[in-house]
Amino acid sequence: SFYGLYDYSVYAAIWEDTEFTGGTTTERNIQGFQFELAGYTTPYTYNNLSIYMAHCVEDVFPIGPAVDGSDLTLTDETLVWSGNYTISSNGFQSITLDTPFCYNGTSNLYVRFENRDGSWQSGFGWGEYAVAIDKAMYKFQDTTYPTGFGNEYNSRLNWKFEY
């Protein structure tokens, strides 16, 4: 997920359609989600965080994925939430979307976190992950927001979608 050790970071993940639908075509209006964090000294605030969602053709990230998703076939990309986010405890954290996302029930789903905080603060923790081969990507750096290519990752943040 967003990572407080660095001033800027990007994290993205892909979920296959069967992870939502159990093999049946079911549209879902995603209202929010929860993700699992640990190791934070609370409260801990990320400033200037943005979250995007999109339908995606691909089911994994390529080697050396573009941090902005431009090397994927994305449709309906939507800024679903932006602002400052305060972590008040460790464990599952919730975000209610500013703009709900209508998942079409047939495509894969792509989610990208952009941490444009621009500052470091002590007390940062980490995300708790489960194995998901090439289903995630990340890039962290100081001084400027990451561009270009990131790293595909074989674990995906523990996640629960809210409909």
Protein backbone atom coordinates (compact mmCIF):
# COMPACT_ATOMS: atom_id res chain seq x y z
CA SER A 1 0.00 0.00 0.00
CA PHE A 2 1.12 3.56 0.42
CA TYR A 3 4.36 3.46 2.36
CA GLY A 4 5.45 6.12 4.86
CA LEU A 5 9.18 5.39 4.79
CA TYR A 6 9.36 7.36 1.53
CA ASP A 7 7.94 10.79 0.70
CA TYR A 8 6.06 9.43 -2.33
CA SER A 9 4.77 6.03 -3.40
CA VAL A 10 2.38 4.21 -5.70
CA TYR A 11 0.75 0.81 -5.19
CA ALA A 12 -1.67 -0.94 -7.54
CA ALA A 13 -3.39 -4.31 -7.58
CA ILE A 14 -5.55 -6.42 -9.90
CA TRP A 15 -8.44 -8.71 -8.91
CA GLU A 16 -9.78 -11.24 -11.41
CA ASP A 17 -13.49 -11.16 -12.17
CA THR A 18 -13.98 -14.62 -10.61
CA GLU A 19 -12.75 -13.27 -7.27
CA PHE A 20 -15.87 -11.08 -7.17
CA THR A 21 -18.50 -13.11 -8.87
CA GLY A 22 -17.73 -16.76 -8.18
CA GLY A 23 -17.97 -17.35 -11.93
CA THR A 24 -21.30 -15.60 -12.50
CA THR A 25 -21.75 -12.18 -14.12
CA THR A 26 -22.81 -9.82 -11.35
CA GLU A 27 -22.50 -6.04 -11.44
CA ARG A 28 -21.54 -4.55 -8.10
CA ASN A 29 -21.60 -0.95 -6.93
CA ILE A 30 -18.41 -0.71 -4.86
CA GLN A 31 -19.01 1.80 -2.04
CA GLY A 32 -15.71 1.36 -0.21
CA PHE A 33 -13.17 -1.17 0.96
CA GLN A 34 -11.04 -2.29 3.85
CA PHE A 35 -7.34 -3.12 3.82
CA GLU A 36 -5.15 -4.55 6.58
CA LEU A 37 -2.29 -2.53 8.11
CA ALA A 38 0.14 -3.26 10.96
CA GLY A 39 3.02 -1.64 12.83
CA TYR A 40 1.72 1.94 12.80
CA THR A 41 2.10 4.33 15.70
CA THR A 42 -1.35 5.87 15.71
CA PRO A 43 -2.70 8.24 14.77
CA TYR A 44 -0.67 8.36 11.55
CA THR A 45 -1.75 10.63 8.67
CA TYR A 46 -0.97 10.40 4.98
CA ASN A 47 -1.52 13.71 3.22
CA ASN A 48 -2.55 14.00 -0.42
CA LEU A 49 -3.58 10.41 -1.10
CA SER A 50 -5.58 9.52 -4.25
CA ILE A 51 -7.24 6.21 -5.15
CA TYR A 52 -8.25 5.21 -8.69
CA MET A 53 -10.29 2.22 -9.87
CA ALA A 54 -10.77 0.85 -13.39
CA HIS A 55 -11.91 -2.20 -15.33
CA CYS A 56 -8.91 -4.12 -16.64
CA VAL A 57 -8.38 -6.72 -19.37
CA GLU A 58 -5.11 -8.10 -17.96
CA ASP A 59 -5.10 -10.41 -14.95
CA VAL A 60 -1.44 -9.82 -13.96
CA PHE A 61 1.07 -6.98 -14.18
CA PRO A 62 3.80 -7.20 -16.83
CA ILE A 63 7.48 -7.23 -15.87
CA GLY A 64 8.43 -3.63 -15.14
CA PRO A 65 4.87 -2.28 -14.95
CA ALA A 66 4.12 1.39 -15.66
CA VAL A 67 3.34 3.15 -12.38
CA ASP A 68 0.33 4.90 -13.94
CA GLY A 69 -1.21 1.73 -15.44
CA SER A 70 -0.64 2.98 -18.98
CA ASP A 71 0.69 -0.42 -20.09
CA LEU A 72 -2.61 -2.10 -19.14
CA THR A 73 -5.92 -2.05 -21.00
CA LEU A 74 -7.94 0.06 -18.54
CA THR A 75 -11.46 1.38 -19.07
CA ASP A 76 -13.68 3.56 -16.91
CA GLU A 77 -10.70 4.72 -14.83
CA THR A 78 -12.15 6.83 -12.02
CA LEU A 79 -10.72 8.86 -9.16
CA VAL A 80 -12.81 7.30 -6.38
CA TRP A 81 -11.25 8.96 -3.32
CA SER A 82 -8.77 11.72 -2.50
CA GLY A 83 -7.67 13.59 0.57
CA ASN A 84 -5.75 13.10 3.79
CA TYR A 85 -6.11 9.68 5.42
CA THR A 86 -5.54 9.07 9.13
CA ILE A 87 -4.86 5.58 10.42
CA SER A 88 -6.38 5.40 13.89
CA SER A 89 -5.49 1.78 14.73
CA ASN A 90 -3.76 -1.24 13.27
CA GLY A 91 -5.81 -3.99 11.62
CA PHE A 92 -8.40 -3.52 8.90
CA GLN A 93 -8.91 0.12 7.89
CA SER A 94 -11.95 1.39 5.98
CA ILE A 95 -12.35 3.93 3.21
CA THR A 96 -15.78 5.02 2.01
CA LEU A 97 -15.40 6.14 -1.59
CA ASP A 98 -16.19 9.72 -2.61
CA THR A 99 -17.35 8.30 -5.95
CA PRO A 100 -18.68 4.72 -5.86
CA PHE A 101 -17.37 2.51 -8.65
CA CYS A 102 -19.77 0.41 -10.72
CA TYR A 103 -17.94 -2.88 -11.30
CA ASN A 104 -19.34 -4.46 -14.48
CA GLY A 105 -19.12 -8.09 -13.32
CA THR A 106 -17.11 -9.31 -16.31
CA SER A 107 -13.76 -7.47 -16.35
CA ASN A 108 -10.87 -7.70 -13.94
CA LEU A 109 -10.63 -4.84 -11.43
CA TYR A 110 -7.65 -2.49 -11.05
CA VAL A 111 -7.03 -0.26 -8.01
CA ARG A 112 -4.16 2.28 -7.66
CA PHE A 113 -3.08 4.25 -4.56
CA GLU A 114 -1.04 7.39 -5.23
CA ASN A 115 0.74 8.75 -2.15
CA ARG A 116 1.81 12.30 -2.99
CA ASP A 117 2.38 13.25 0.65
CA GLY A 118 5.85 14.68 0.00
CA SER A 119 7.00 14.34 3.59
CA TRP A 120 8.32 11.72 5.96
CA GLN A 121 6.96 11.15 9.43
CA SER A 122 7.94 8.57 12.01
CA GLY A 123 5.45 5.92 13.07
CA PHE A 124 4.78 4.43 9.62
CA GLY A 125 3.92 0.75 9.37
CA TRP A 126 3.16 -1.70 6.58
CA GLY A 127 0.41 -3.55 4.83
CA GLU A 128 -0.41 -7.18 5.56
CA TYR A 129 -0.30 -9.27 2.37
CA ALA A 130 -1.37 -12.61 0.90
CA VAL A 131 0.32 -14.43 -1.98
CA ALA A 132 -1.06 -13.34 -5.37
CA ILE A 133 1.45 -13.91 -8.17
CA ASP A 134 2.06 -10.69 -10.18
CA LYS A 135 -1.26 -9.21 -8.98
CA ALA A 136 0.35 -6.09 -7.48
CA MET A 137 2.94 -3.43 -8.30
CA TYR A 138 4.69 -0.70 -6.35
CA LYS A 139 7.32 2.01 -6.48
CA PHE A 140 8.59 4.25 -3.66
CA GLN A 141 10.94 7.22 -3.73
CA ASP A 142 11.88 10.48 -2.04
CA THR A 143 11.97 14.01 -3.54
CA THR A 144 9.39 13.47 -6.35
CA TYR A 145 6.40 11.30 -7.15
CA PRO A 146 7.50 8.09 -8.95
CA THR A 147 7.12 7.91 -12.71
CA GLY A 148 8.19 5.38 -15.31
CA PHE A 149 8.28 1.75 -14.28
CA GLY A 150 7.74 0.02 -10.95
CA ASN A 151 8.10 -3.49 -9.60
CA GLU A 152 5.56 -6.27 -9.99
CA TYR A 153 4.88 -7.99 -6.68
CA ASN A 154 3.80 -11.52 -5.75
CA SER A 155 1.67 -10.49 -2.79
CA ARG A 156 -1.46 -8.36 -2.67
CA LEU A 157 -2.67 -6.31 0.28
CA ASN A 158 -5.34 -8.09 2.34
CA TRP A 159 -8.51 -6.46 1.06
CA LYS A 160 -12.28 -6.53 1.51
CA PHE A 161 -14.60 -4.74 -0.93
CA GLU A 162 -17.81 -3.15 0.38
CA TYR A 163 -20.87 -3.18 -1.90
